[in-house]
Protein backbone atom coordinates (compact mmCIF):
# COMPACT_ATOMS: atom_id res chain seq x y z
CA MET A 1 0.23 -15.54 -7.76
CA ASN A 2 -2.08 -16.47 -10.61
CA ARG A 3 -4.08 -13.49 -11.79
CA PRO A 4 -7.77 -14.31 -12.31
CA SER A 5 -9.49 -13.29 -15.49
CA ARG A 6 -11.12 -9.93 -15.01
CA ARG A 7 -14.13 -8.36 -16.62
CA GLY A 8 -14.37 -4.60 -16.98
CA LYS A 9 -10.59 -4.15 -17.20
CA LEU A 10 -9.70 -0.48 -17.50
CA PRO A 11 -7.80 0.11 -20.76
CA LEU A 12 -4.58 1.60 -19.39
CA SER A 13 -2.56 0.15 -22.25
CA ASP A 14 -4.70 2.16 -24.69
CA HIS A 15 -3.36 5.33 -23.10
CA GLY A 16 0.27 4.26 -22.84
CA LEU A 17 -0.15 3.72 -19.10
CA HIS A 18 -0.02 -0.06 -18.78
CA ALA A 19 3.18 0.20 -16.76
CA ALA A 20 4.80 3.23 -15.19
CA SER A 21 8.16 4.14 -16.64
CA THR A 22 11.14 4.85 -14.43
CA SER A 23 14.54 6.40 -14.79
CA SER A 24 17.44 7.13 -12.46
CA ALA A 25 17.99 10.77 -11.58
CA ALA A 26 20.34 12.81 -9.44
CA THR A 27 18.21 14.97 -7.16
CA LYS A 28 18.65 17.45 -4.35
CA THR A 29 16.05 15.87 -2.09
CA SER A 30 16.09 12.18 -1.25
CA THR A 31 12.71 10.59 -0.70
CA ALA A 32 14.43 8.14 1.63
CA SER A 33 14.61 11.07 4.06
CA PRO A 34 11.57 13.17 3.13
CA ALA A 35 11.87 16.85 3.81
CA GLY A 36 8.92 18.24 5.73
CA SER A 37 7.41 19.87 2.65
CA ALA A 38 4.09 18.01 2.62
CA ARG A 39 1.06 20.19 3.06
CA SER A 40 0.22 20.48 6.72
CA ASP A 41 -3.50 19.99 6.15
CA ARG A 42 -6.20 19.78 3.48
CA PRO A 43 -7.41 22.93 1.70
CA VAL A 44 -9.69 25.16 3.75
CA GLY A 45 -13.29 23.99 3.51
CA ALA A 46 -12.48 20.60 1.99
CA ALA A 47 -14.45 17.77 3.59
CA PRO A 48 -12.63 14.60 4.64
CA VAL A 49 -12.88 11.79 2.12
CA PRO A 50 -15.27 9.09 3.43
CA GLY A 51 -13.59 5.92 4.63
CA PRO A 52 -14.92 3.64 1.87
CA VAL A 53 -13.74 6.10 -0.79
CA LEU A 54 -10.30 6.37 0.81
CA PHE A 55 -10.16 2.58 0.86
CA ALA A 56 -10.96 2.49 -2.87
CA ARG A 57 -8.12 4.90 -3.64
CA TYR A 58 -5.59 2.54 -2.07
CA ALA A 59 -7.18 -0.77 -2.99
CA PHE A 60 -7.91 -0.14 -6.65
CA PRO A 61 -4.32 -0.52 -7.97
CA PRO A 62 -3.89 -4.21 -6.97
CA ASN A 63 -7.50 -4.82 -7.95
CA HIS A 64 -6.74 -3.48 -11.42
CA HIS A 65 -3.79 -5.91 -11.64
CA GLY A 66 -6.04 -8.82 -10.68
CA TYR A 67 -4.51 -9.57 -7.30
CA CYS A 68 -7.50 -9.04 -5.03
CA GLY A 69 -10.97 -7.62 -4.67
CA PRO A 70 -14.06 -7.70 -6.90
CA ALA A 71 -13.89 -9.16 -10.40
CA ASP A 72 -15.35 -6.04 -12.00
CA ASN A 73 -12.59 -3.52 -11.35
CA THR A 74 -14.21 -0.98 -13.67
CA ALA A 75 -17.25 -0.84 -11.42
CA PHE A 76 -15.00 -0.53 -8.36
CA PHE A 77 -13.11 2.34 -10.00
CA GLU A 78 -16.35 4.09 -10.94
CA GLN A 79 -17.70 3.73 -7.40
CA GLY A 80 -14.52 5.27 -6.04
CA VAL A 81 -14.67 8.13 -8.52
CA ALA A 82 -18.30 8.81 -7.58
CA GLY A 83 -17.06 9.41 -4.03
CA ALA A 84 -20.20 8.27 -2.26
CA ASP A 85 -20.25 6.23 0.94
CA ASP A 86 -22.87 3.78 -0.25
CA GLY A 87 -23.69 0.13 0.11
CA GLY A 88 -22.20 -0.81 -3.25
CA LEU A 89 -18.72 0.42 -2.45
CA ARG A 90 -18.88 -1.10 1.02
CA ALA A 91 -19.88 -4.48 -0.39
CA MET A 92 -16.96 -4.38 -2.84
CA ALA A 93 -14.53 -3.49 -0.03
CA ARG A 94 -15.47 -6.69 1.80
CA GLU A 95 -14.23 -8.67 -1.20
CA PHE A 96 -10.63 -7.73 -0.43
CA ALA A 97 -9.81 -10.88 1.53
CA GLY A 98 -6.32 -9.64 2.41
CA ALA A 99 -7.12 -6.17 3.71
CA TRP A 100 -10.61 -6.58 5.16
CA PRO A 101 -9.63 -8.71 8.21
CA TYR A 102 -6.99 -6.12 9.14
CA LEU A 103 -9.64 -3.39 9.05
CA GLU A 104 -11.88 -5.50 11.29
CA LEU A 105 -8.96 -6.12 13.64
CA ILE A 106 -8.08 -2.42 13.95
CA ALA A 107 -11.69 -1.36 14.41
CA GLY A 108 -12.47 -4.03 16.98
CA ALA A 109 -9.32 -3.40 19.01
CA THR A 110 -9.78 0.37 19.12
CA GLY A 111 -13.47 0.66 19.89
CA LEU A 112 -14.80 1.58 16.46
CA ALA A 113 -17.84 -0.22 15.09
CA ASP A 114 -17.15 0.38 11.41
CA PRO A 115 -14.15 -1.28 9.70
CA LEU A 116 -14.48 1.37 6.98
CA ASP A 117 -14.33 4.27 9.40
CA ARG A 118 -11.85 6.70 7.83
CA ARG A 119 -9.62 6.46 10.92
CA VAL A 120 -9.36 2.68 10.49
CA VAL A 121 -8.71 2.87 6.74
CA GLU A 122 -6.00 5.49 7.15
CA ALA A 123 -4.35 3.52 9.96
CA TYR A 124 -4.07 0.41 7.77
CA TRP A 125 -2.83 2.00 4.56
CA VAL A 126 -0.89 5.01 5.86
CA GLY A 127 -0.41 4.53 9.60
CA SER A 128 -1.47 6.21 12.83
CA PRO A 129 -0.98 5.77 16.61
CA ARG A 130 -4.23 3.78 16.58
CA LEU A 131 -2.18 0.80 15.38
CA ASP A 132 -0.25 0.70 18.62
CA LEU A 133 -3.51 0.17 20.51
CA VAL A 134 -3.90 -3.24 18.88
CA GLY A 135 -2.38 -5.71 21.33
CA VAL A 136 0.13 -8.41 20.43
CA SER A 137 -2.32 -11.14 21.41
CA ALA A 138 -5.01 -9.72 19.12
CA VAL A 139 -2.61 -9.59 16.18
CA GLY A 140 -1.32 -13.07 16.98
CA ASP A 141 -4.82 -14.55 17.26
CA SER A 142 -5.74 -13.04 13.89
CA MET A 143 -2.62 -14.50 12.25
CA GLU A 144 -3.35 -17.89 13.83
CA GLU A 145 -6.88 -17.93 12.46
CA ARG A 146 -5.95 -16.75 8.98
CA PHE A 147 -2.53 -18.16 8.21
CA ARG A 148 -1.53 -21.15 10.36
CA ARG A 149 -2.81 -23.74 7.91
CA ARG A 150 -1.78 -21.76 4.85
CA SER A 151 1.79 -21.07 5.99
CA GLY A 152 2.39 -24.62 7.27
CA PRO A 153 5.87 -25.07 8.74
CA HIS A 154 6.61 -21.37 8.18
CA PHE A 155 4.02 -20.25 10.72
CA SER A 156 6.59 -19.88 13.51
CA SER A 157 8.58 -17.50 11.30
CA LEU A 158 5.42 -15.52 10.61
CA VAL A 159 4.72 -15.26 14.35
CA GLU A 160 8.21 -13.87 14.96
CA GLY A 161 7.16 -10.74 13.08
CA VAL A 162 4.22 -10.30 15.45
CA LEU A 163 6.35 -10.80 18.55
CA ALA A 164 8.93 -8.36 17.21
CA GLY A 165 6.35 -5.58 17.23
CA GLY A 166 4.43 -5.99 14.01
CA VAL A 167 1.13 -4.11 13.85
CA PRO A 168 -1.73 -4.34 11.31
CA HIS A 169 -0.29 -1.87 8.82
CA HIS A 170 -0.09 -2.69 5.12
CA SER A 171 3.72 -2.81 5.30
CA PHE A 172 3.45 -5.54 7.95
CA ALA A 173 1.29 -7.58 5.59
CA VAL A 174 3.69 -7.06 2.65
CA PHE A 175 7.01 -7.54 4.43
CA CYS A 176 6.16 -9.96 7.24
CA ILE A 177 3.16 -12.01 6.07
CA TYR A 178 2.75 -12.24 2.30
CA PRO A 179 6.12 -13.89 1.54
CA TRP A 180 5.34 -16.74 3.95
CA VAL A 181 1.88 -17.50 2.56
CA GLY A 182 2.60 -17.21 -1.16
CA LEU A 183 0.62 -14.03 -1.75
CA LEU A 184 3.48 -12.41 -3.66
CA GLY A 185 4.00 -15.38 -5.95
CA ASP A 186 6.43 -18.27 -5.54
CA ASP A 187 7.61 -18.07 -9.13
CA ARG A 188 9.19 -14.65 -8.77
CA ARG A 189 12.88 -14.39 -8.02
CA ALA A 190 15.57 -11.79 -7.55
CA GLN A 191 14.91 -8.43 -9.18
CA GLN A 192 11.38 -9.27 -10.29
CA ALA A 193 10.45 -10.33 -6.76
CA LEU A 194 11.98 -7.15 -5.34
CA THR A 195 9.95 -5.05 -7.78
CA VAL A 196 6.74 -6.81 -6.70
CA LEU A 197 7.61 -6.25 -3.03
CA ASP A 198 8.31 -2.58 -3.71
CA ARG A 199 5.17 -1.97 -5.75
CA CYS A 200 2.93 -3.85 -3.34
CA ARG A 201 3.89 -1.64 -0.40
CA ILE A 202 2.51 1.89 -0.07
CA ARG A 203 5.36 4.13 -1.23
CA TRP A 204 5.74 7.89 -0.97
CA GLY A 205 6.93 10.25 -3.65
CA ARG A 206 7.34 13.96 -4.33
CA VAL A 207 5.50 15.45 -7.28
CA LEU A 208 7.78 17.02 -9.88
CA SER A 209 5.17 17.79 -12.53
CA VAL A 210 1.64 16.92 -13.62
CA GLN A 211 1.14 15.94 -17.25
CA GLY A 212 -2.51 15.20 -17.92
CA ASP A 213 -3.38 11.75 -16.60
CA GLN A 214 0.19 11.13 -15.52
CA VAL A 215 2.26 12.55 -12.68
CA VAL A 216 6.04 12.67 -12.65
CA VAL A 217 7.29 11.87 -9.16
CA GLU A 218 10.57 11.25 -7.41
CA SER A 219 10.64 8.20 -5.14
CA SER A 220 13.19 5.84 -3.62
CA PRO A 221 12.77 2.12 -4.46
CA LEU A 222 13.55 -0.77 -2.16
CA THR A 223 16.96 -2.40 -2.44
CA TRP A 224 18.16 -5.81 -1.22
CA ASP A 225 21.80 -6.77 -0.59
CA GLY A 226 21.14 -10.35 0.48
CA GLN A 227 20.56 -9.43 4.13
CA ARG A 228 18.83 -6.07 4.36
CA LEU A 229 15.94 -4.19 2.82
CA ASP A 230 16.86 -0.56 2.34
CA TYR A 231 16.07 2.42 0.12
CA GLY A 232 17.95 3.13 -3.06
CA LEU A 233 18.81 6.44 -4.64
CA PRO A 234 15.78 8.53 -5.62
CA ARG A 235 14.58 8.02 -9.15
CA VAL A 236 12.06 9.73 -11.36
CA GLU A 237 9.03 7.76 -12.53
CA ASN A 238 5.74 8.36 -14.30
CA VAL A 239 2.68 7.29 -12.35
CA VAL A 240 -1.06 7.42 -13.04
CA ARG A 241 -3.65 9.63 -11.40
CA SER A 242 -6.57 9.33 -13.85
CA ILE A 243 -7.83 7.93 -17.15
CA ASP A 244 -9.03 10.47 -19.70
CA GLY A 245 -9.20 13.01 -16.91
CA VAL A 246 -11.29 10.79 -14.62
CA GLY A 247 -9.75 9.71 -11.32
CA MET A 248 -10.19 9.54 -7.57
CA VAL A 249 -7.42 11.96 -6.53
CA GLY A 250 -7.85 15.73 -6.55
CA GLU A 251 -5.55 18.36 -7.98
CA LEU A 252 -1.82 17.97 -7.41
CA ASP A 253 0.96 20.54 -7.56
CA PRO A 254 4.74 20.24 -7.87
CA GLY A 255 6.20 19.79 -4.41
CA ASP A 256 3.24 17.79 -3.07
CA TRP A 257 3.99 14.47 -1.39
CA VAL A 258 1.78 11.60 -2.50
CA SER A 259 1.21 7.98 -1.61
CA LEU A 260 1.74 5.40 -4.36
CA HIS A 261 0.48 1.83 -4.81
CA TRP A 262 1.74 -0.03 -7.84
CA GLU A 263 1.80 2.61 -10.61
CA TRP A 264 -1.06 4.70 -9.20
CA VAL A 265 -1.24 7.83 -7.07
CA CYS A 266 -3.50 7.11 -4.09
CA ASP A 267 -3.66 10.36 -2.17
CA ARG A 268 -1.91 13.61 -1.39
CA LEU A 269 -0.19 13.32 1.99
CA THR A 270 -0.08 15.83 4.80
CA SER A 271 3.20 16.17 6.69
CA GLY A 272 1.76 14.03 9.50
CA GLN A 273 0.62 11.31 7.13
CA LEU A 274 3.98 11.29 5.37
CA ALA A 275 5.76 10.85 8.70
CA ALA A 276 3.39 8.05 9.76
CA LEU A 277 3.78 6.16 6.50
CA ARG A 278 7.54 6.36 6.73
CA ARG A 279 7.55 5.41 10.44
CA TYR A 280 5.43 2.26 10.12
CA THR A 281 7.13 1.16 6.91
CA ASP A 282 10.53 1.52 8.60
CA ARG A 283 9.25 -0.34 11.66
CA HIS A 284 8.41 -3.41 9.61
CA ARG A 285 11.48 -3.06 7.42
CA ALA A 286 13.54 -3.17 10.63
CA ILE A 287 11.78 -6.40 11.68
CA VAL A 288 12.84 -7.94 8.37
CA ASN A 289 16.41 -6.73 8.75
CA ASP A 290 16.71 -7.88 12.36
CA ALA A 291 15.79 -11.41 11.27
CA HIS A 292 19.30 -11.70 9.79
CA GLY A 293 18.44 -13.50 6.59
CA HIS A 294 15.58 -15.60 8.01
CA SER A 295 12.80 -13.20 7.01
CA GLY A 296 10.03 -13.59 4.45
CA PRO A 297 11.74 -11.24 1.97
CA ALA A 298 14.96 -13.27 2.33
CA LYS A 299 12.96 -16.38 1.46
CA MET A 300 11.64 -14.62 -1.64
CA LEU A 301 14.74 -12.80 -2.76
CA GLY A 302 17.47 -15.27 -1.85
């Protein structure tokens, strides 16, 4: 994918944070099989994050990389940091042409008027039983409207993911849709393409330490053996939570489980959210693997 020129680019490279660093590590706990150590709920008295703000936490990382959303990613970041459910943040959310139709689909199919209702936003990025209320025909009609022309002769392969049980979760978009419509870039091959696939999905990781603007986490990357997407051995990586102390995510402690998008921490996960994220990611990973080499990732990765 060609990255558009961006104004207001946040200066991560000035802080040594342009790309997260990774290293292999032997660990006692594999993030491929998360132990139930996520916090069971938010701190007492803490108010739920408004839906538009939660959306910004997850949508900012690809926006910062120039893949989607408003041109002024600094303004988007600042709106998310402010934490207000206002018209400005809502208008920016509608500029995410990839995610916004999924939010509309979930909301419309489950009786919610607001695509930025927190329940809708969490269902799309993390996962919830609400996704299973969206019927196959509704998902199929949405894919027909959005991707038939763009995917061309590959549309039938795209539809197979819907018929196999795909639901409007971000992992469905990344694993089952994006490879067929060129949204992950046709010029990427092999390991580079796998890295893009891995970073584009919402990952989970366990916090090992917090070091200023950076967080050291343990997370399992995707692997590809020519037929199957799976999880590799856990590795330690440095990810970003803030810039000069300013960020959207609250305090983190060692042992917390967090969601990750590209090199950014999106949110601290409860045990239920961690289980949902794993469950829906594995659901769509299984659809890819059951395609026996005819999936979108197989097209990308060879």
